[in-house]
PDB file of N, CA and C in Angstrom:
ATOM      1  N   PRO A   1       0.813  -1.216   0.000  1.00  0.00           N
ATOM      2  CA  PRO A   1       0.000   0.000   0.000  1.00  0.00           C
ATOM      3  C   PRO A   1       0.850   1.272   0.000  1.00  0.00           C
ATOM      4  N   GLU A   2       1.983   1.247   0.720  1.00  0.00           N
ATOM      5  CA  GLU A   2       2.827   2.437   0.810  1.00  0.00           C
ATOM      6  C   GLU A   2       3.390   2.822  -0.556  1.00  0.00           C
ATOM      7  N   MET A   3       3.844   1.828  -1.308  1.00  0.00           N
ATOM      8  CA  MET A   3       4.384   2.100  -2.643  1.00  0.00           C
ATOM      9  C   MET A   3       3.299   2.657  -3.559  1.00  0.00           C
ATOM     10  N   ARG A   4       2.115   2.093  -3.476  1.00  0.00           N
ATOM     11  CA  ARG A   4       1.005   2.557  -4.312  1.00  0.00           C
ATOM     12  C   ARG A   4       0.678   4.016  -4.002  1.00  0.00           C
ATOM     13  N   VAL A   5       0.630   4.356  -2.722  1.00  0.00           N
ATOM     14  CA  VAL A   5       0.319   5.731  -2.315  1.00  0.00           C
ATOM     15  C   VAL A   5       1.412   6.689  -2.780  1.00  0.00           C
ATOM     16  N   SER A   6       2.661   6.301  -2.586  1.00  0.00           N
ATOM     17  CA  SER A   6       3.776   7.158  -3.015  1.00  0.00           C
ATOM     18  C   SER A   6       3.755   7.389  -4.521  1.00  0.00           C
ATOM     19  N   LEU A   7       3.517   6.324  -5.281  1.00  0.00           N
ATOM     20  CA  LEU A   7       3.451   6.467  -6.741  1.00  0.00           C
ATOM     21  C   LEU A   7       2.270   7.331  -7.151  1.00  0.00           C
ATOM     22  N   ARG A   8       1.134   7.156  -6.490  1.00  0.00           N
ATOM     23  CA  ARG A   8      -0.049   7.949  -6.825  1.00  0.00           C
ATOM     24  C   ARG A   8       0.247   9.428  -6.624  1.00  0.00           C
ATOM     25  N   GLU A   9       0.917   9.767  -5.526  1.00  0.00           N
ATOM     26  CA  GLU A   9       1.258  11.172  -5.270  1.00  0.00           C
ATOM     27  C   GLU A   9       2.154  11.725  -6.377  1.00  0.00           C
ATOM     28  N   LEU A  10       3.108  10.928  -6.825  1.00  0.00           N
ATOM     29  CA  LEU A  10       3.993  11.361  -7.914  1.00  0.00           C
ATOM     30  C   LEU A  10       3.232  11.481  -9.230  1.00  0.00           C
ATOM     31  N   ILE A  11       2.397  10.507  -9.532  1.00  0.00           N
ATOM     32  CA  ILE A  11       1.640  10.504 -10.789  1.00  0.00           C
ATOM     33  C   ILE A  11       0.666  11.675 -10.835  1.00  0.00           C
ATOM     34  N   ASP A  12       0.104  12.024  -9.681  1.00  0.00           N
ATOM     35  CA  ASP A  12      -0.833  13.152  -9.628  1.00  0.00           C
ATOM     36  C   ASP A  12      -0.169  14.474 -10.006  1.00  0.00           C
ATOM     37  N   GLN A  13       1.162  14.524  -9.952  1.00  0.00           N
ATOM     38  CA  GLN A  13       1.894  15.726 -10.362  1.00  0.00           C
ATOM     39  C   GLN A  13       2.080  15.786 -11.878  1.00  0.00           C
ATOM     40  N   LYS A  14       1.599  14.744 -12.570  1.00  0.00           N
ATOM     41  CA  LYS A  14       1.623  14.647 -14.033  1.00  0.00           C
ATOM     42  C   LYS A  14       3.023  14.814 -14.647  1.00  0.00           C
ATOM     43  N   PRO A  15       3.982  14.020 -14.189  1.00  0.00           N
ATOM     44  CA  PRO A  15       5.319  14.111 -14.794  1.00  0.00           C
ATOM     45  C   PRO A  15       5.317  13.541 -16.207  1.00  0.00           C
ATOM     46  N   LYS A  16       6.182  14.042 -17.039  1.00  0.00           N
ATOM     47  CA  LYS A  16       6.329  13.491 -18.395  1.00  0.00           C
ATOM     48  C   LYS A  16       7.084  12.171 -18.347  1.00  0.00           C
ATOM     49  N   ARG A  17       7.968  12.044 -17.366  1.00  0.00           N
ATOM     50  CA  ARG A  17       8.781  10.833 -17.232  1.00  0.00           C
ATOM     51  C   ARG A  17       8.991  10.564 -15.740  1.00  0.00           C
ATOM     52  N   LEU A  18       8.749   9.325 -15.361  1.00  0.00           N
ATOM     53  CA  LEU A  18       8.980   8.912 -13.981  1.00  0.00           C
ATOM     54  C   LEU A  18       9.925   7.716 -14.004  1.00  0.00           C
ATOM     55  N   VAL A  19      11.071   7.870 -13.360  1.00  0.00           N
ATOM     56  CA  VAL A  19      12.066   6.800 -13.296  1.00  0.00           C
ATOM     57  C   VAL A  19      11.997   6.171 -11.908  1.00  0.00           C
ATOM     58  N   ILE A  20      11.821   4.859 -11.871  1.00  0.00           N
ATOM     59  CA  ILE A  20      11.813   4.133 -10.604  1.00  0.00           C
ATOM     60  C   ILE A  20      13.119   3.349 -10.502  1.00  0.00           C
ATOM     61  N   ASP A  21      13.867   3.636  -9.455  1.00  0.00           N
ATOM     62  CA  ASP A  21      15.145   2.965  -9.207  1.00  0.00           C
ATOM     63  C   ASP A  21      14.875   1.666  -8.448  1.00  0.00           C
ATOM     64  N   LEU A  22      15.090   0.551  -9.115  1.00  0.00           N
ATOM     65  CA  LEU A  22      14.856  -0.764  -8.516  1.00  0.00           C
ATOM     66  C   LEU A  22      16.143  -1.417  -8.005  1.00  0.00           C
ATOM     67  N   SER A  23      17.222  -0.682  -7.960  1.00  0.00           N
ATOM     68  CA  SER A  23      18.524  -1.276  -7.633  1.00  0.00           C
ATOM     69  C   SER A  23      18.587  -1.881  -6.230  1.00  0.00           C
ATOM     70  N   ARG A  24      17.740  -1.433  -5.326  1.00  0.00           N
ATOM     71  CA  ARG A  24      17.746  -1.993  -3.968  1.00  0.00           C
ATOM     72  C   ARG A  24      16.539  -2.894  -3.709  1.00  0.00           C
ATOM     73  N   VAL A  25      15.853  -3.276  -4.773  1.00  0.00           N
ATOM     74  CA  VAL A  25      14.674  -4.146  -4.650  1.00  0.00           C
ATOM     75  C   VAL A  25      15.100  -5.574  -4.985  1.00  0.00           C
ATOM     76  N   PRO A  26      15.110  -6.474  -3.980  1.00  0.00           N
ATOM     77  CA  PRO A  26      15.578  -7.835  -4.236  1.00  0.00           C
ATOM     78  C   PRO A  26      14.545  -8.737  -4.903  1.00  0.00           C
ATOM     79  N   TYR A  27      13.253  -8.392  -4.782  1.00  0.00           N
ATOM     80  CA  TYR A  27      12.192  -9.279  -5.261  1.00  0.00           C
ATOM     81  C   TYR A  27      10.928  -8.466  -5.498  1.00  0.00           C
ATOM     82  N   VAL A  28      10.159  -8.840  -6.506  1.00  0.00           N
ATOM     83  CA  VAL A  28       8.867  -8.201  -6.769  1.00  0.00           C
ATOM     84  C   VAL A  28       7.834  -9.310  -6.901  1.00  0.00           C
ATOM     85  N   ASP A  29       6.762  -9.229  -6.100  1.00  0.00           N
ATOM     86  CA  ASP A  29       5.710 -10.232  -6.203  1.00  0.00           C
ATOM     87  C   ASP A  29       4.588  -9.710  -7.095  1.00  0.00           C
ATOM     88  N   SER A  30       3.515 -10.477  -7.199  1.00  0.00           N
ATOM     89  CA  SER A  30       2.429 -10.110  -8.115  1.00  0.00           C
ATOM     90  C   SER A  30       1.776  -8.789  -7.734  1.00  0.00           C
ATOM     91  N   SER A  31       1.680  -8.493  -6.447  1.00  0.00           N
ATOM     92  CA  SER A  31       1.075  -7.215  -6.061  1.00  0.00           C
ATOM     93  C   SER A  31       1.990  -6.050  -6.427  1.00  0.00           C
ATOM     94  N   GLY A  32       3.298  -6.245  -6.315  1.00  0.00           N
ATOM     95  CA  GLY A  32       4.240  -5.210  -6.739  1.00  0.00           C
ATOM     96  C   GLY A  32       4.185  -4.984  -8.236  1.00  0.00           C
ATOM     97  N   LEU A  33       4.079  -6.083  -8.994  1.00  0.00           N
ATOM     98  CA  LEU A  33       3.943  -5.964 -10.451  1.00  0.00           C
ATOM     99  C   LEU A  33       2.665  -5.217 -10.805  1.00  0.00           C
ATOM    100  N   ALA A  34       1.585  -5.515 -10.084  1.00  0.00           N
ATOM    101  CA  ALA A  34       0.311  -4.839 -10.347  1.00  0.00           C
ATOM    102  C   ALA A  34       0.428  -3.337 -10.106  1.00  0.00           C
ATOM    103  N   VAL A  35       1.145  -2.952  -9.061  1.00  0.00           N
ATOM    104  CA  VAL A  35       1.344  -1.527  -8.773  1.00  0.00           C
ATOM    105  C   VAL A  35       2.138  -0.865  -9.898  1.00  0.00           C
ATOM    106  N   LEU A  36       3.194  -1.523 -10.360  1.00  0.00           N
ATOM    107  CA  LEU A  36       4.006  -0.962 -11.448  1.00  0.00           C
ATOM    108  C   LEU A  36       3.205  -0.856 -12.744  1.00  0.00           C
ATOM    109  N   ILE A  37       2.421  -1.876 -13.048  1.00  0.00           N
ATOM    110  CA  ILE A  37       1.583  -1.844 -14.255  1.00  0.00           C
ATOM    111  C   ILE A  37       0.566  -0.716 -14.159  1.00  0.00           C
ATOM    112  N   GLY A  38      -0.080  -0.589 -13.003  1.00  0.00           N
ATOM    113  CA  GLY A  38      -1.055   0.485 -12.812  1.00  0.00           C
ATOM    114  C   GLY A  38      -0.425   1.860 -12.946  1.00  0.00           C
ATOM    115  N   ALA A  39       0.777   2.011 -12.400  1.00  0.00           N
ATOM    116  CA  ALA A  39       1.481   3.293 -12.500  1.00  0.00           C
ATOM    117  C   ALA A  39       1.809   3.612 -13.947  1.00  0.00           C
ATOM    118  N   MET A  40       2.275   2.604 -14.679  1.00  0.00           N
ATOM    119  CA  MET A  40       2.615   2.833 -16.076  1.00  0.00           C
ATOM    120  C   MET A  40       1.372   3.208 -16.886  1.00  0.00           C
ATOM    121  N   GLN A  41       0.279   2.517 -16.652  1.00  0.00           N
ATOM    122  CA  GLN A  41      -0.949   2.818 -17.385  1.00  0.00           C
ATOM    123  C   GLN A  41      -1.453   4.222 -17.063  1.00  0.00           C
ATOM    124  N   SER A  42      -1.384   4.614 -15.798  1.00  0.00           N
ATOM    125  CA  SER A  42      -1.811   5.960 -15.406  1.00  0.00           C
ATOM    126  C   SER A  42      -0.955   7.027 -16.073  1.00  0.00           C
ATOM    127  N   LEU A  43       0.352   6.823 -16.059  1.00  0.00           N
ATOM    128  CA  LEU A  43       1.249   7.792 -16.688  1.00  0.00           C
ATOM    129  C   LEU A  43       1.016   7.877 -18.189  1.00  0.00           C
ATOM    130  N   GLU A  44       0.865   6.731 -18.839  1.00  0.00           N
ATOM    131  CA  GLU A  44       0.631   6.732 -20.284  1.00  0.00           C
ATOM    132  C   GLU A  44      -0.680   7.432 -20.621  1.00  0.00           C
ATOM    133  N   HIS A  45      -1.681   7.250 -19.788  1.00  0.00           N
ATOM    134  CA  HIS A  45      -2.974   7.907 -20.000  1.00  0.00           C
ATOM    135  C   HIS A  45      -2.832   9.432 -19.945  1.00  0.00           C
ATOM    136  N   GLN A  46      -1.867   9.907 -19.162  1.00  0.00           N
ATOM    137  CA  GLN A  46      -1.605  11.342 -19.023  1.00  0.00           C
ATOM    138  C   GLN A  46      -0.577  11.836 -20.029  1.00  0.00           C
ATOM    139  N   GLY A  47      -0.081  10.946 -20.880  1.00  0.00           N
ATOM    140  CA  GLY A  47       0.928  11.336 -21.853  1.00  0.00           C
ATOM    141  C   GLY A  47       2.351  11.234 -21.335  1.00  0.00           C
ATOM    142  N   GLY A  48       2.535  10.590 -20.194  1.00  0.00           N
ATOM    143  CA  GLY A  48       3.869  10.418 -19.624  1.00  0.00           C
ATOM    144  C   GLY A  48       4.368   9.002 -19.835  1.00  0.00           C
ATOM    145  N   GLU A  49       5.521   8.702 -19.239  1.00  0.00           N
ATOM    146  CA  GLU A  49       6.061   7.354 -19.352  1.00  0.00           C
ATOM    147  C   GLU A  49       6.752   6.949 -18.060  1.00  0.00           C
ATOM    148  N   LEU A  50       6.736   5.643 -17.814  1.00  0.00           N
ATOM    149  CA  LEU A  50       7.391   5.063 -16.650  1.00  0.00           C
ATOM    150  C   LEU A  50       8.620   4.302 -17.118  1.00  0.00           C
ATOM    151  N   LEU A  51       9.758   4.571 -16.477  1.00  0.00           N
ATOM    152  CA  LEU A  51      11.000   3.884 -16.801  1.00  0.00           C
ATOM    153  C   LEU A  51      11.497   3.174 -15.546  1.00  0.00           C
ATOM    154  N   LEU A  52      11.902   1.922 -15.701  1.00  0.00           N
ATOM    155  CA  LEU A  52      12.441   1.154 -14.582  1.00  0.00           C
ATOM    156  C   LEU A  52      13.953   1.069 -14.736  1.00  0.00           C
ATOM    157  N   ALA A  53      14.661   1.361 -13.664  1.00  0.00           N
ATOM    158  CA  ALA A  53      16.123   1.422 -13.741  1.00  0.00           C
ATOM    159  C   ALA A  53      16.780   0.543 -12.685  1.00  0.00           C
ATOM    160  N   GLY A  54      17.904  -0.056 -13.071  1.00  0.00           N
ATOM    161  CA  GLY A  54      18.753  -0.754 -12.126  1.00  0.00           C
ATOM    162  C   GLY A  54      18.201  -2.039 -11.541  1.00  0.00           C
ATOM    163  N   ALA A  55      17.268  -2.682 -12.226  1.00  0.00           N
ATOM    164  CA  ALA A  55      16.682  -3.912 -11.686  1.00  0.00           C
ATOM    165  C   ALA A  55      17.742  -4.998 -11.536  1.00  0.00           C
ATOM    166  N   ARG A  56      17.722  -5.659 -10.400  1.00  0.00           N
ATOM    167  CA  ARG A  56      18.631  -6.781 -10.158  1.00  0.00           C
ATOM    168  C   ARG A  56      18.234  -7.954 -11.053  1.00  0.00           C
ATOM    169  N   GLU A  57      19.147  -8.899 -11.172  1.00  0.00           N
ATOM    170  CA  GLU A  57      18.908 -10.075 -12.012  1.00  0.00           C
ATOM    171  C   GLU A  57      17.624 -10.807 -11.611  1.00  0.00           C
ATOM    172  N   THR A  58      17.385 -10.957 -10.310  1.00  0.00           N
ATOM    173  CA  THR A  58      16.178 -11.670  -9.866  1.00  0.00           C
ATOM    174  C   THR A  58      14.913 -10.944 -10.313  1.00  0.00           C
ATOM    175  N   VAL A  59      14.910  -9.632 -10.213  1.00  0.00           N
ATOM    176  CA  VAL A  59      13.742  -8.852 -10.630  1.00  0.00           C
ATOM    177  C   VAL A  59      13.589  -8.909 -12.144  1.00  0.00           C
ATOM    178  N   ARG A  60      14.697  -8.830 -12.871  1.00  0.00           N
ATOM    179  CA  ARG A  60      14.623  -8.934 -14.337  1.00  0.00           C
ATOM    180  C   ARG A  60      14.075 -10.293 -14.760  1.00  0.00           C
ATOM    181  N   LEU A  61      14.465 -11.351 -14.051  1.00  0.00           N
ATOM    182  CA  LEU A  61      13.948 -12.685 -14.367  1.00  0.00           C
ATOM    183  C   LEU A  61      12.447 -12.785 -14.101  1.00  0.00           C
ATOM    184  N   ILE A  62      11.996 -12.166 -13.022  1.00  0.00           N
ATOM    185  CA  ILE A  62      10.559 -12.151 -12.724  1.00  0.00           C
ATOM    186  C   ILE A  62       9.816 -11.410 -13.831  1.00  0.00           C
ATOM    187  N   LEU A  63      10.329 -10.267 -14.237  1.00  0.00           N
ATOM    188  CA  LEU A  63       9.700  -9.501 -15.319  1.00  0.00           C
ATOM    189  C   LEU A  63       9.694 -10.302 -16.615  1.00  0.00           C
ATOM    190  N   ALA A  64      10.790 -10.986 -16.906  1.00  0.00           N
ATOM    191  CA  ALA A  64      10.879 -11.781 -18.134  1.00  0.00           C
ATOM    192  C   ALA A  64       9.921 -12.966 -18.093  1.00  0.00           C
ATOM    193  N   THR A  65       9.833 -13.631 -16.950  1.00  0.00           N
ATOM    194  CA  THR A  65       8.936 -14.779 -16.808  1.00  0.00           C
ATOM    195  C   THR A  65       7.489 -14.366 -17.042  1.00  0.00           C
ATOM    196  N   ALA A  66       7.138 -13.185 -16.560  1.00  0.00           N
ATOM    197  CA  ALA A  66       5.779 -12.665 -16.747  1.00  0.00           C
ATOM    198  C   ALA A  66       5.623 -11.948 -18.090  1.00  0.00           C
ATOM    199  N   ARG A  67       6.679 -11.965 -18.887  1.00  0.00           N
ATOM    200  CA  ARG A  67       6.735 -11.277 -20.184  1.00  0.00           C
ATOM    201  C   ARG A  67       6.509  -9.771 -20.069  1.00  0.00           C
ATOM    202  N   LEU A  68       6.824  -9.245 -18.925  1.00  0.00           N
ATOM    203  CA  LEU A  68       6.680  -7.809 -18.705  1.00  0.00           C
ATOM    204  C   LEU A  68       7.935  -7.044 -19.098  1.00  0.00           C
ATOM    205  N   ASP A  69       9.010  -7.773 -19.386  1.00  0.00           N
ATOM    206  CA  ASP A  69      10.224  -7.097 -19.849  1.00  0.00           C
ATOM    207  C   ASP A  69      10.005  -6.480 -21.226  1.00  0.00           C
ATOM    208  N   GLU A  70       8.981  -6.943 -21.932  1.00  0.00           N
ATOM    209  CA  GLU A  70       8.628  -6.357 -23.229  1.00  0.00           C
ATOM    210  C   GLU A  70       7.661  -5.187 -23.062  1.00  0.00           C
ATOM    211  N   TYR A  71       7.061  -5.086 -21.904  1.00  0.00           N
ATOM    212  CA  TYR A  71       6.040  -4.084 -21.610  1.00  0.00           C
ATOM    213  C   TYR A  71       6.657  -2.839 -20.969  1.00  0.00           C
ATOM    214  N   PHE A  72       7.573  -3.061 -20.041  1.00  0.00           N
ATOM    215  CA  PHE A  72       8.230  -1.953 -19.353  1.00  0.00           C
ATOM    216  C   PHE A  72       9.475  -1.500 -20.106  1.00  0.00           C
ATOM    217  N   LYS A  73       9.820  -0.241 -19.935  1.00  0.00           N
ATOM    218  CA  LYS A  73      11.076   0.285 -20.466  1.00  0.00           C
ATOM    219  C   LYS A  73      12.115   0.111 -19.366  1.00  0.00           C
ATOM    220  N   LEU A  74      13.074  -0.794 -19.604  1.00  0.00           N
ATOM    221  CA  LEU A  74      14.084  -1.146 -18.606  1.00  0.00           C
ATOM    222  C   LEU A  74      15.438  -0.548 -18.969  1.00  0.00           C
ATOM    223  N   PHE A  75      16.121  -0.024 -17.959  1.00  0.00           N
ATOM    224  CA  PHE A  75      17.432   0.582 -18.149  1.00  0.00           C
ATOM    225  C   PHE A  75      18.386   0.064 -17.082  1.00  0.00           C
ATOM    226  N   PRO A  76      19.677  -0.027 -17.403  1.00  0.00           N
ATOM    227  CA  PRO A  76      20.639  -0.566 -16.439  1.00  0.00           C
ATOM    228  C   PRO A  76      20.870   0.338 -15.228  1.00  0.00           C
ATOM    229  N   SER A  77      20.589   1.631 -15.375  1.00  0.00           N
ATOM    230  CA  SER A  77      20.820   2.571 -14.273  1.00  0.00           C
ATOM    231  C   SER A  77      19.872   3.759 -14.400  1.00  0.00           C
ATOM    232  N   VAL A  78      19.771   4.510 -13.320  1.00  0.00           N
ATOM    233  CA  VAL A  78      18.961   5.733 -13.344  1.00  0.00           C
ATOM    234  C   VAL A  78      19.543   6.712 -14.358  1.00  0.00           C
ATOM    235  N   ASP A  79      20.858   6.840 -14.384  1.00  0.00           N
ATOM    236  CA  ASP A  79      21.498   7.752 -15.340  1.00  0.00           C
ATOM    237  C   ASP A  79      21.146   7.385 -16.778  1.00  0.00           C
ATOM    238  N   ALA A  80      21.159   6.089 -17.080  1.00  0.00           N
ATOM    239  CA  ALA A  80      20.814   5.643 -18.436  1.00  0.00           C
ATOM    240  C   ALA A  80      19.355   5.958 -18.751  1.00  0.00           C
ATOM    241  N   ALA A  81      18.481   5.789 -17.778  1.00  0.00           N
ATOM    242  CA  ALA A  81      17.062   6.095 -17.992  1.00  0.00           C
ATOM    243  C   ALA A  81      16.861   7.591 -18.227  1.00  0.00           C
ATOM    244  N   LEU A  82      17.532   8.402 -17.439  1.00  0.00           N
ATOM    245  CA  LEU A  82      17.397   9.855 -17.589  1.00  0.00           C
ATOM    246  C   LEU A  82      17.982  10.349 -18.907  1.00  0.00           C
ATOM    247  N   ALA A  83      18.979   9.653 -19.424  1.00  0.00           N
ATOM    248  CA  ALA A  83      19.616  10.053 -20.683  1.00  0.00           C
ATOM    249  C   ALA A  83      18.859   9.550 -21.911  1.00  0.00           C
ATOM    250  N   ALA A  84      17.894   8.671 -21.706  1.00  0.00           N
ATOM    251  CA  ALA A  84      17.152   8.099 -22.841  1.00  0.00           C
ATOM    252  C   ALA A  84      16.346   9.181 -23.548  1.00  0.00           C
ATOM    253  N   PRO A  85      16.224   9.045 -24.878  1.00  0.00           N
ATOM    254  CA  PRO A  85      15.452  10.052 -25.629  1.00  0.00           C
ATOM    255  C   PRO A  85      13.971   9.986 -25.314  1.00  0.00           C
TER     256      PRO A  85
END
Protein backbone atom coordinates (compact mmCIF):
# COMPACT_ATOMS: atom_id res chain seq x y z
CA PRO A 1 0.00 0.00 0.00
CA GLU A 2 2.83 2.44 0.81
CA MET A 3 4.38 2.10 -2.64
CA ARG A 4 1.00 2.56 -4.31
CA VAL A 5 0.32 5.73 -2.31
CA SER A 6 3.78 7.16 -3.01
CA LEU A 7 3.45 6.47 -6.74
CA ARG A 8 -0.05 7.95 -6.83
CA GLU A 9 1.26 11.17 -5.27
CA LEU A 10 3.99 11.36 -7.91
CA ILE A 11 1.64 10.50 -10.79
CA ASP A 12 -0.83 13.15 -9.63
CA GLN A 13 1.89 15.73 -10.36
CA LYS A 14 1.62 14.65 -14.03
CA PRO A 15 5.32 14.11 -14.79
CA LYS A 16 6.33 13.49 -18.39
CA ARG A 17 8.78 10.83 -17.23
CA LEU A 18 8.98 8.91 -13.98
CA VAL A 19 12.07 6.80 -13.30
CA ILE A 20 11.81 4.13 -10.60
CA ASP A 21 15.14 2.97 -9.21
CA LEU A 22 14.86 -0.76 -8.52
CA SER A 23 18.52 -1.28 -7.63
CA ARG A 24 17.75 -1.99 -3.97
CA VAL A 25 14.67 -4.15 -4.65
CA PRO A 26 15.58 -7.83 -4.24
CA TYR A 27 12.19 -9.28 -5.26
CA VAL A 28 8.87 -8.20 -6.77
CA ASP A 29 5.71 -10.23 -6.20
CA SER A 30 2.43 -10.11 -8.11
CA SER A 31 1.08 -7.22 -6.06
CA GLY A 32 4.24 -5.21 -6.74
CA LEU A 33 3.94 -5.96 -10.45
CA ALA A 34 0.31 -4.84 -10.35
CA VAL A 35 1.34 -1.53 -8.77
CA LEU A 36 4.01 -0.96 -11.45
CA ILE A 37 1.58 -1.84 -14.25
CA GLY A 38 -1.06 0.49 -12.81
CA ALA A 39 1.48 3.29 -12.50
CA MET A 40 2.61 2.83 -16.08
CA GLN A 41 -0.95 2.82 -17.39
CA SER A 42 -1.81 5.96 -15.41
CA LEU A 43 1.25 7.79 -16.69
CA GLU A 44 0.63 6.73 -20.28
CA HIS A 45 -2.97 7.91 -20.00
CA GLN A 46 -1.60 11.34 -19.02
CA GLY A 47 0.93 11.34 -21.85
CA GLY A 48 3.87 10.42 -19.62
CA GLU A 49 6.06 7.35 -19.35
CA LEU A 50 7.39 5.06 -16.65
CA LEU A 51 11.00 3.88 -16.80
CA LEU A 52 12.44 1.15 -14.58
CA ALA A 53 16.12 1.42 -13.74
CA GLY A 54 18.75 -0.75 -12.13
CA ALA A 55 16.68 -3.91 -11.69
CA ARG A 56 18.63 -6.78 -10.16
CA GLU A 57 18.91 -10.08 -12.01
CA THR A 58 16.18 -11.67 -9.87
CA VAL A 59 13.74 -8.85 -10.63
CA ARG A 60 14.62 -8.93 -14.34
CA LEU A 61 13.95 -12.68 -14.37
CA ILE A 62 10.56 -12.15 -12.72
CA LEU A 63 9.70 -9.50 -15.32
CA ALA A 64 10.88 -11.78 -18.13
CA THR A 65 8.94 -14.78 -16.81
CA ALA A 66 5.78 -12.66 -16.75
CA ARG A 67 6.73 -11.28 -20.18
CA LEU A 68 6.68 -7.81 -18.71
CA ASP A 69 10.22 -7.10 -19.85
CA GLU A 70 8.63 -6.36 -23.23
CA TYR A 71 6.04 -4.08 -21.61
CA PHE A 72 8.23 -1.95 -19.35
CA LYS A 73 11.08 0.29 -20.47
CA LEU A 74 14.08 -1.15 -18.61
CA PHE A 75 17.43 0.58 -18.15
CA PRO A 76 20.64 -0.57 -16.44
CA SER A 77 20.82 2.57 -14.27
CA VAL A 78 18.96 5.73 -13.34
CA ASP A 79 21.50 7.75 -15.34
CA ALA A 80 20.81 5.64 -18.44
CA ALA A 81 17.06 6.10 -17.99
CA LEU A 82 17.40 9.85 -17.59
CA ALA A 83 19.62 10.05 -20.68
CA ALA A 84 17.15 8.10 -22.84
CA PRO A 85 15.45 10.05 -25.63
